[in-house]
Protein backbone atom coordinates (compact mmCIF):
# COMPACT_ATOMS: atom_id res chain seq x y z
CA MET A 1 -2.46 -12.27 43.68
CA PHE A 2 -0.85 -15.31 42.08
CA LEU A 3 2.69 -15.91 40.92
CA ALA A 4 3.04 -16.49 37.20
CA VAL A 5 4.85 -19.81 36.84
CA ALA A 6 5.87 -21.44 33.58
CA LEU A 7 4.17 -24.77 32.99
CA LEU A 8 6.44 -27.64 33.97
CA PRO A 9 7.41 -29.90 31.08
CA GLN A 10 5.71 -33.26 30.88
CA ALA A 11 8.91 -35.04 31.83
CA LEU A 12 8.79 -33.30 35.20
CA LEU A 13 5.08 -33.87 35.69
CA THR A 14 5.54 -37.61 35.28
CA GLY A 15 8.77 -37.69 37.25
CA PRO A 16 12.20 -39.08 36.32
CA GLY A 17 10.99 -42.67 36.58
CA GLY A 18 12.69 -45.71 38.05
CA LEU A 19 12.50 -44.42 41.59
CA ALA A 20 9.62 -46.43 43.06
CA GLY A 21 10.67 -49.47 44.98
CA ALA A 22 14.28 -48.41 45.45
CA GLN A 23 15.68 -49.56 48.75
CA ALA A 24 18.07 -48.02 51.23
CA ALA A 25 19.97 -49.24 54.25
CA VAL A 26 18.51 -48.38 57.62
CA GLY A 27 19.47 -48.76 61.24
CA ASP A 28 21.62 -46.99 63.75
CA GLY A 29 24.93 -48.73 63.21
CA ALA A 30 27.19 -50.26 60.59
CA GLU A 31 26.07 -53.76 61.59
CA ASP A 32 22.42 -52.93 60.81
CA VAL A 33 23.36 -51.39 57.47
CA ALA A 34 25.46 -54.37 56.46
CA ALA A 35 22.79 -56.85 57.53
CA LEU A 36 20.05 -55.17 55.56
CA ASP A 37 22.26 -54.83 52.49
CA GLN A 38 22.31 -58.63 52.45
CA LEU A 39 18.51 -58.58 52.16
CA GLU A 40 18.17 -55.84 49.55
CA PRO A 41 20.98 -54.81 47.20
CA LEU A 42 22.17 -51.22 47.10
CA THR A 43 20.92 -49.35 44.04
CA ALA A 44 21.72 -45.97 42.52
CA SER A 45 18.10 -44.91 43.13
CA ARG A 46 18.44 -44.94 46.90
CA ALA A 47 19.44 -41.30 47.04
CA THR A 48 16.22 -40.16 45.37
CA ASN A 49 13.85 -42.76 46.85
CA PRO A 50 15.33 -43.54 50.24
CA GLN A 51 13.86 -45.72 52.92
CA MET A 52 11.88 -43.72 55.48
CA ARG A 53 11.62 -44.87 59.09
CA VAL A 54 8.22 -43.93 60.50
CA LEU A 55 7.36 -44.44 64.17
CA LEU A 56 3.94 -46.11 64.29
CA LEU A 57 3.54 -47.11 67.93
CA ASP A 58 5.29 -46.89 71.27
CA LEU A 59 3.51 -49.43 73.51
CA PRO A 60 4.29 -52.16 76.07
CA ALA A 61 2.69 -54.80 73.81
CA ILE A 62 1.91 -54.96 70.07
CA ARG A 63 0.12 -57.47 67.84
CA VAL A 64 1.24 -57.96 64.24
CA ALA A 65 -0.18 -60.06 61.42
CA GLY A 66 0.35 -60.50 57.69
CA SER A 67 -2.53 -60.97 55.26
CA SER A 68 -0.43 -63.54 53.37
CA GLY A 69 2.01 -64.46 56.09
CA LEU A 70 5.05 -62.98 57.80
CA ARG A 71 8.77 -63.62 57.93
CA LEU A 72 10.63 -62.77 61.14
CA ARG A 73 14.33 -61.94 60.85
CA ASP A 74 17.05 -60.97 63.28
CA THR A 75 19.22 -57.88 62.77
CA ARG A 76 21.72 -59.86 60.66
CA GLY A 77 19.05 -60.93 58.20
CA GLY A 78 18.70 -64.49 59.46
CA GLU A 79 15.19 -65.93 59.19
CA LEU A 80 13.87 -67.04 62.58
CA LEU A 81 10.23 -67.78 61.82
CA ARG A 82 7.82 -67.90 58.92
CA MET A 83 4.12 -67.57 59.70
CA PRO A 84 1.11 -68.45 57.54
CA ALA A 85 -1.64 -66.11 56.38
CA GLY A 86 -3.92 -65.08 59.21
CA ALA A 87 -1.48 -65.96 61.98
CA THR A 88 -0.67 -63.28 64.53
CA LEU A 89 2.45 -62.44 66.43
CA ALA A 90 2.11 -61.17 70.00
CA LEU A 91 5.03 -58.98 71.05
CA ARG A 92 5.63 -57.61 74.52
CA GLN A 93 8.46 -55.99 76.43
CA ALA A 94 9.88 -58.01 79.29
CA GLY A 95 13.15 -57.38 81.05
CA GLY A 96 14.44 -55.09 78.34
CA ARG A 97 13.87 -57.64 75.59
CA ILE A 98 11.10 -58.49 73.11
CA GLN A 99 9.06 -61.57 74.00
CA VAL A 100 7.66 -63.08 70.78
CA GLN A 101 4.64 -65.41 70.88
CA PRO A 102 3.47 -66.64 67.44
CA SER A 103 -0.02 -68.11 67.03
CA ALA A 104 1.21 -70.44 64.27
CA VAL A 105 4.49 -71.22 62.50
CA THR A 106 5.18 -72.86 59.12
CA GLN A 107 8.98 -72.67 59.34
CA GLY A 108 11.35 -72.19 62.25
CA THR A 109 11.15 -72.99 65.96
CA PRO A 110 7.70 -72.53 67.52
CA GLY A 111 7.25 -71.21 71.03
CA VAL A 112 8.31 -68.03 72.77
CA LEU A 113 11.40 -66.18 71.52
CA SER A 114 13.32 -63.48 73.35
CA LEU A 115 15.09 -60.93 71.15
CA GLY A 116 16.75 -57.57 71.56
CA GLU A 117 15.47 -56.36 68.17
CA LEU A 118 13.59 -57.91 65.26
CA TRP A 119 12.42 -57.31 61.72
CA LEU A 120 9.10 -58.39 60.23
CA GLU A 121 8.55 -58.73 56.48
CA PRO A 122 5.13 -59.39 54.94
CA LEU A 123 4.84 -62.12 52.31
CA PRO A 124 3.14 -61.07 49.05
CA ASP A 125 -0.32 -62.32 48.12
CA SER A 126 -1.35 -63.68 44.70
CA ASN A 127 -1.59 -60.11 43.37
CA GLY A 128 1.88 -59.20 44.59
CA LEU A 129 0.61 -56.99 47.45
CA ALA A 130 2.66 -57.37 50.61
CA SER A 131 1.27 -55.75 53.74
CA LEU A 132 1.44 -56.26 57.46
CA GLN A 133 -1.15 -55.35 60.05
CA VAL A 134 0.09 -53.53 63.14
CA GLU A 135 -2.72 -53.48 65.69
CA ASN A 136 -5.71 -52.30 63.60
CA ARG A 137 -3.95 -50.79 60.55
CA ARG A 138 -2.24 -52.27 57.50
CA TYR A 139 1.06 -50.96 56.16
CA ARG A 140 3.35 -51.61 53.24
CA GLY A 141 7.07 -52.06 53.80
CA ARG A 142 8.74 -53.78 56.75
CA LEU A 143 8.52 -53.39 60.50
CA GLN A 144 11.43 -52.89 62.85
CA VAL A 145 10.68 -53.50 66.54
CA ARG A 146 13.05 -52.31 69.25
CA VAL A 147 12.90 -51.88 73.01
CA GLU A 148 12.85 -48.31 74.26
CA ALA A 149 12.68 -47.96 78.06
CA SER A 150 9.67 -50.07 79.11
CA LYS A 151 7.96 -50.05 75.72
CA LEU A 152 8.23 -51.52 72.25
CA ARG A 153 8.90 -49.10 69.45
CA ALA A 154 7.34 -50.20 66.13
CA ILE A 155 8.96 -48.48 63.14
CA ASN A 156 7.68 -48.89 59.58
CA VAL A 157 10.60 -48.95 57.13
CA ILE A 158 9.27 -48.07 53.71
CA ALA A 159 10.48 -46.49 50.46
CA LEU A 160 9.61 -42.80 50.21
CA GLU A 161 7.49 -43.05 47.06
CA THR A 162 5.60 -46.02 48.54
CA TYR A 163 4.98 -44.12 51.78
CA LEU A 164 3.61 -40.96 50.15
CA PRO A 165 0.24 -42.14 48.72
CA SER A 166 -0.93 -42.92 52.24
CA VAL A 167 0.30 -39.56 53.55
CA VAL A 168 -1.60 -37.70 50.83
CA GLY A 169 -4.77 -39.67 51.62
CA SER A 170 -4.28 -39.19 55.36
CA GLU A 171 -3.77 -35.44 55.03
CA MET A 172 -6.40 -34.60 52.37
CA PRO A 173 -9.71 -36.09 51.21
CA ALA A 174 -8.96 -38.27 48.20
CA SER A 175 -11.97 -36.72 46.43
CA TRP A 176 -10.32 -33.29 46.28
CA PRO A 177 -9.04 -31.92 42.94
CA LEU A 178 -5.95 -33.68 41.62
CA GLU A 179 -3.92 -30.45 41.58
CA ALA A 180 -4.48 -30.03 45.33
CA LEU A 181 -3.44 -33.65 45.91
CA ARG A 182 -0.35 -33.11 43.75
CA ALA A 183 0.57 -30.03 45.79
CA GLN A 184 0.19 -32.11 48.95
CA ALA A 185 2.35 -34.88 47.48
CA VAL A 186 5.22 -32.51 46.67
CA ALA A 187 4.99 -30.78 50.06
CA ALA A 188 4.88 -34.13 51.89
CA ARG A 189 7.83 -35.51 49.88
CA THR A 190 9.89 -32.40 50.60
CA TYR A 191 8.95 -32.44 54.28
CA ALA A 192 9.87 -36.12 54.64
CA LEU A 193 13.27 -35.69 52.99
CA ARG A 194 13.97 -32.52 54.94
CA HIS A 195 13.34 -34.33 58.21
CA ARG A 196 15.37 -37.49 57.65
CA LYS A 197 17.57 -38.17 60.67
CA PRO A 198 20.16 -40.85 59.84
CA SER A 199 21.66 -40.76 63.34
CA ALA A 200 18.29 -41.01 65.14
CA PRO A 201 16.22 -44.17 65.78
CA PHE A 202 13.54 -43.00 63.34
CA ASP A 203 12.82 -40.15 60.93
CA LEU A 204 9.15 -39.27 61.30
CA HIS A 205 6.08 -39.85 63.44
CA ALA A 206 2.92 -41.28 61.86
CA THR A 207 0.88 -38.44 63.39
CA VAL A 208 0.64 -34.70 62.75
CA THR A 209 3.66 -34.33 65.01
CA SER A 210 5.31 -34.92 61.62
CA GLN A 211 2.68 -35.65 58.96
CA ALA A 212 -0.31 -37.99 59.12
CA TYR A 213 0.28 -41.54 57.85
CA LYS A 214 -2.58 -44.00 58.37
CA GLY A 215 -1.39 -46.89 56.26
CA LEU A 216 -2.79 -48.82 53.35
CA GLU A 217 -6.45 -47.89 53.89
CA SER A 218 -5.64 -44.21 53.22
CA GLU A 219 -4.32 -44.98 49.74
CA THR A 220 -6.64 -44.54 46.75
CA ALA A 221 -6.22 -44.39 42.99
CA SER A 222 -6.19 -40.58 43.17
CA THR A 223 -3.55 -40.35 45.90
CA ARG A 224 -1.33 -42.84 44.06
CA GLU A 225 -1.75 -40.80 40.87
CA ALA A 226 -0.86 -37.59 42.73
CA VAL A 227 2.40 -39.17 43.86
CA ARG A 228 3.17 -40.91 40.55
CA SER A 229 2.59 -37.78 38.46
CA THR A 230 4.90 -35.70 40.69
CA GLN A 231 7.43 -38.46 41.29
CA GLY A 232 10.71 -37.13 42.61
CA LEU A 233 9.62 -33.46 42.58
CA VAL A 234 10.60 -31.38 45.61
CA LEU A 235 10.60 -27.75 46.74
CA MET A 236 13.97 -26.01 46.78
CA HIS A 237 15.08 -22.60 48.00
CA GLY A 238 18.52 -21.99 46.55
CA ASN A 239 20.35 -25.29 46.93
CA SER A 240 18.36 -26.48 49.94
CA LEU A 241 15.24 -28.50 50.46
CA ILE A 242 12.71 -26.30 52.22
CA ASN A 243 10.95 -27.11 55.46
CA ALA A 244 7.57 -27.62 53.77
CA VAL A 245 5.27 -27.30 56.78
CA PHE A 246 1.54 -27.12 56.16
CA HIS A 247 -1.71 -26.88 58.09
CA SER A 248 -5.46 -27.29 57.65
CA SER A 249 -6.80 -23.74 57.41
CA SER A 250 -5.22 -20.36 58.18
CA GLY A 251 -8.37 -18.33 58.71
CA GLY A 252 -7.62 -15.86 55.93
CA SER A 253 -3.88 -15.23 56.18
CA THR A 254 -0.92 -17.52 56.80
CA GLU A 255 1.71 -16.77 59.44
CA ASN A 256 5.38 -15.74 59.29
CA SER A 257 7.56 -18.56 60.63
CA GLY A 258 9.47 -16.06 62.76
CA ASP A 259 6.29 -15.00 64.54
CA LEU A 260 5.63 -18.56 65.66
CA TRP A 261 9.02 -20.25 65.86
CA SER A 262 12.58 -19.15 66.53
CA ARG A 263 13.64 -18.18 63.01
CA GLN A 264 12.15 -16.35 60.05
CA LEU A 265 12.70 -18.41 56.91
CA PRO A 266 12.53 -16.46 53.65
CA TYR A 267 9.96 -18.75 52.04
CA LEU A 268 7.63 -19.04 55.07
CA VAL A 269 6.07 -15.58 55.05
CA SER A 270 2.50 -14.45 55.62
CA VAL A 271 0.36 -14.55 52.45
CA PRO A 272 -3.38 -14.20 51.78
CA ASP A 273 -5.29 -17.46 52.04
CA TYR A 274 -8.39 -18.65 50.20
CA ASP A 275 -9.91 -20.95 52.81
CA ASP A 276 -13.39 -19.40 53.18
CA THR A 277 -15.01 -22.74 52.29
CA SER A 278 -13.25 -24.48 55.17
CA PRO A 279 -15.61 -25.71 57.90
CA VAL A 280 -13.12 -24.33 60.43
CA ALA A 281 -12.56 -20.96 58.74
CA ARG A 282 -14.59 -19.51 61.65
CA TRP A 283 -15.42 -21.21 64.91
CA GLU A 284 -16.42 -20.68 68.53
CA LYS A 285 -15.67 -22.73 71.62
CA THR A 286 -17.37 -22.35 75.00
CA LEU A 287 -14.83 -22.56 77.81
CA SER A 288 -16.76 -23.93 80.77
CA PRO A 289 -15.77 -23.26 84.40
CA GLN A 290 -14.70 -26.90 84.66
CA LEU A 291 -12.43 -26.64 81.61
CA LEU A 292 -10.95 -23.36 82.86
CA ALA A 293 -10.34 -24.79 86.34
CA GLY A 294 -8.43 -27.70 84.85
CA ALA A 295 -6.47 -25.60 82.36
CA PHE A 296 -5.39 -22.99 84.92
CA ALA A 297 -5.38 -24.93 88.18
CA GLU A 298 -2.47 -22.91 89.59
CA ILE A 299 -4.64 -19.76 89.69
CA GLY A 300 -7.95 -21.46 90.47
CA GLY A 301 -9.42 -21.21 86.98
CA ALA A 302 -10.04 -18.10 84.89
CA SER A 303 -12.53 -15.25 84.91
CA ARG A 304 -10.97 -13.34 82.03
CA ILE A 305 -8.42 -13.78 79.24
CA ASP A 306 -6.84 -10.61 77.87
CA VAL A 307 -4.82 -10.63 74.65
CA LEU A 308 -1.65 -8.59 75.28
CA SER A 309 0.01 -8.74 71.86
CA THR A 310 -0.56 -10.25 68.43
CA THR A 311 1.45 -11.13 65.34
CA GLY A 312 1.07 -9.33 62.04
CA SER A 313 -1.61 -11.81 60.95
CA GLY A 314 -3.57 -11.29 64.18
CA ARG A 315 -2.57 -14.46 66.04
CA VAL A 316 -2.10 -14.28 69.78
CA ARG A 317 1.52 -13.72 70.72
CA GLN A 318 0.91 -13.23 74.45
CA ALA A 319 -2.16 -13.26 76.69
CA ARG A 320 -2.88 -12.73 80.38
CA VAL A 321 -5.19 -15.14 82.16
CA ILE A 322 -6.83 -13.71 85.29
CA GLY A 323 -8.15 -16.11 87.92
CA PRO A 324 -9.33 -16.10 91.55
CA SER A 325 -5.82 -16.78 92.87
CA GLY A 326 -3.69 -14.70 90.55
CA SER A 327 -2.79 -14.32 86.91
CA LEU A 328 -0.62 -15.93 84.23
CA VAL A 329 1.06 -14.60 81.11
CA LEU A 330 1.21 -17.27 78.39
CA THR A 331 2.26 -17.45 74.77
CA GLY A 332 -0.39 -18.07 72.15
CA ALA A 333 0.89 -21.61 71.64
CA GLN A 334 0.72 -22.33 75.37
CA LEU A 335 -2.80 -20.95 75.55
CA ARG A 336 -3.89 -23.04 72.57
CA SER A 337 -2.44 -26.18 74.12
CA ARG A 338 -4.06 -25.67 77.51
CA LEU A 339 -7.50 -24.86 76.13
CA GLY A 340 -7.51 -27.24 73.17
CA LEU A 341 -8.11 -24.43 70.68
CA ARG A 342 -8.03 -24.95 66.93
CA SER A 343 -5.61 -22.07 66.38
CA THR A 344 -4.10 -19.00 68.01
CA LEU A 345 -6.07 -16.69 65.71
CA VAL A 346 -8.58 -16.17 68.51
CA ARG A 347 -10.18 -13.60 70.81
CA PHE A 348 -12.09 -14.10 74.06
CA LYS A 349 -15.37 -12.72 75.35
CA ALA A 350 -17.54 -13.30 78.40
CA ALA A 351 -20.65 -15.38 77.82
CA PRO A 352 -23.83 -13.40 78.60
CA PHE A 353 -25.52 -14.39 81.86
CA THR A 354 -29.23 -15.06 81.54
CA PHE A 355 -31.59 -15.03 84.52
CA THR A 356 -34.81 -17.05 84.42
CA ALA A 357 -37.57 -15.42 86.50
CA PRO A 358 -39.53 -17.70 88.88
CA SER A 359 -42.86 -18.96 87.54
CA LEU A 360 -45.80 -21.20 88.36
CA ALA A 361 -45.89 -24.80 87.22
CA ASP A 362 -47.86 -23.86 84.09
CA GLY A 363 -45.27 -21.26 83.13
CA THR A 364 -47.24 -18.21 84.32
CA PRO A 365 -44.79 -15.58 85.57
CA LEU A 366 -44.87 -15.20 89.32
CA PRO A 367 -45.81 -11.63 90.43
CA ALA A 368 -43.49 -10.16 92.98
CA ASP A 369 -46.26 -9.49 95.53
CA MET A 370 -47.35 -13.15 95.57
CA GLY A 371 -44.00 -14.64 96.35
CA SER A 372 -44.45 -14.69 100.10
CA LEU A 373 -47.85 -16.42 99.83
CA LEU A 374 -46.70 -19.33 97.67
CA ALA A 375 -43.31 -20.14 99.07
CA PRO A 376 -41.20 -19.34 102.06
CA PRO A 377 -38.73 -16.54 101.61
CA PRO A 378 -35.59 -17.71 99.85
CA PRO A 379 -32.42 -18.12 101.84
CA ARG A 380 -29.59 -15.70 101.37
CA PRO A 381 -29.00 -14.61 97.75
CA LEU A 382 -27.42 -17.17 95.45
CA ALA A 383 -23.72 -16.75 94.65
CA PRO A 384 -23.06 -15.30 91.21
CA PRO A 385 -22.58 -18.00 88.58
CA SER A 386 -19.08 -19.13 87.65
CA PRO A 387 -17.86 -17.21 84.62
CA VAL A 388 -18.03 -18.76 81.18
CA ILE A 389 -15.68 -17.52 78.45
CA ILE A 390 -16.24 -17.95 74.73
CA ALA A 391 -13.27 -18.30 72.38
CA VAL A 392 -14.02 -16.86 68.93
CA GLY A 393 -11.46 -17.92 66.36
CA ARG A 394 -10.52 -18.62 62.77
CA GLY A 395 -8.60 -21.41 61.09
CA PHE A 396 -7.14 -24.71 62.28
CA GLY A 397 -3.44 -25.32 62.82
CA HIS A 398 -0.28 -23.29 63.29
CA GLY A 399 -0.95 -21.25 60.15
CA VAL A 400 2.56 -21.48 58.63
CA GLY A 401 3.18 -22.66 55.06
CA MET A 402 0.57 -24.26 52.84
CA SER A 403 -3.07 -24.09 53.87
CA GLN A 404 -4.72 -27.33 52.77
CA TRP A 405 -8.16 -25.74 52.43
CA GLY A 406 -6.56 -22.88 50.54
CA ALA A 407 -4.90 -25.38 48.20
CA TYR A 408 -8.34 -26.91 47.61
CA ALA A 409 -9.82 -23.51 46.72
CA LEU A 410 -6.97 -22.61 44.36
CA ALA A 411 -7.24 -25.99 42.63
CA GLN A 412 -10.97 -25.38 42.22
CA GLN A 413 -10.07 -22.09 40.52
CA GLY A 414 -7.89 -23.96 38.00
CA ARG A 415 -4.45 -23.35 39.51
CA ARG A 416 -1.76 -25.98 38.91
CA PHE A 417 0.00 -27.68 41.77
CA ASP A 418 3.23 -25.72 41.18
CA GLN A 419 1.32 -22.41 41.30
CA ILE A 420 -0.38 -23.46 44.52
CA LEU A 421 2.95 -24.35 46.11
CA GLN A 422 4.67 -21.18 44.97
CA HIS A 423 1.86 -19.10 46.42
CA TYR A 424 2.34 -20.53 49.91
CA TYR A 425 6.12 -21.03 49.80
CA ARG A 426 7.55 -17.81 48.38
CA GLY A 427 10.64 -17.81 46.18
CA VAL A 428 10.88 -21.60 45.87
CA GLU A 429 11.36 -23.77 42.79
CA VAL A 430 9.74 -27.11 42.02
CA GLN A 431 12.61 -29.35 40.91
CA PRO A 432 13.34 -33.06 40.48
CA LEU A 433 15.35 -34.40 43.39
CA ARG A 434 18.86 -35.45 42.47
CA ALA A 435 21.53 -37.23 44.45
CA GLY A 436 23.59 -34.55 46.14
CA SER A 437 20.87 -31.90 45.93
CA GLY A 438 21.88 -30.74 49.44
CA PRO A 439 22.97 -29.31 51.64
CA LEU A 440 19.90 -29.20 53.83
CA ALA A 441 19.11 -25.79 55.26
CA SER A 442 19.84 -25.21 58.92
CA GLY A 443 17.36 -23.83 61.42
CA ALA A 444 14.44 -26.18 60.79
CA VAL A 445 11.21 -25.37 62.54
CA ALA A 446 9.36 -28.12 64.32
CA GLY A 447 6.77 -30.42 62.87
CA ARG A 448 3.99 -30.35 60.33
CA GLY A 449 1.88 -29.42 63.28
CA SER A 450 -1.82 -28.94 63.22
């Protein structure tokens, strides 16, 4: 069943315009905000196209380069170094500070610098494209580097509408129907805005802990068009941005948020899915004795896994694991994490044990009455083999919100992006984001997840 939704006017499909490229202040304190306002003037568009702060890496050492050069600034906006195209910057944590070693410098003081925090800005090439390479990936926007414990925290600071084309291409194949990509763009925009954390060091992770973001190489003409043609559109429930979580494939039916997380949200309810064409709609995984021994070391492995209770959509709520040294009762999420399962929509069965009868070298079966003539009697009987359990499941991910493979199927059937979204998020409206659209709903559930 599909919701009947009036076609959005063309003005909404193309977005309100003037949002791309708007800048916003970032940083934890007033000093950071003031410093960055010196670099980029405050505009009225900041509320609808804010700067997002995306955690890329958390490592002891990081290498950064710019295809057309880099500018290094301190937190007050002062330029410390300017580097030519192709030059690299080696950053490492030492004594609670950032040690900076440039390979070449065109302006500034060469040599090793020691800073508490720094900003890196890429210089544009002849086509106006400005990107920086962080380890092996290229990104638009700027890079903030800070020390956190014994590591360097690399945070990509980038305008929302500039960030989204890469998210869409990181989360969905760019070859999918445009309506599916548009649905992903609106969900990703809503999710990003819903999870902004002005008082925290960053807003989002670049992984499916939040939503996947793989940089410039994940952008294509189709993902940019999906973002441009839905520019500024978000999902609202009442006066609040929704928590637009999504996943790969539900296995036939999405999950109620209250059955997985702490709170049932009115728009995150179980609905039929259309993900039969997904390669992970149905799957099996053999759980070897070695895997089971590692996953359940405290009880010596597992000989059986019994499902104790399930949610309305059939996902494991609780299960008992029985091993040589005892038993454990785990939630479905805990079980999935320990065993590396694709979802909690799973059941367990014992793998059949096959016995190969002894035979001669040419494969001729060995008669029982000849055994003593050809070989000495065997020693004591062999111990029974270690048990092998097979997990039989459906879907991939937590199962809440939009199913990406379901969105693909609905787009193939001719559904518009707004119809796709309103199927998976019940009772929501697709609206242009406006300054002061808030307040944000309380009781967010964690992560995009997978």
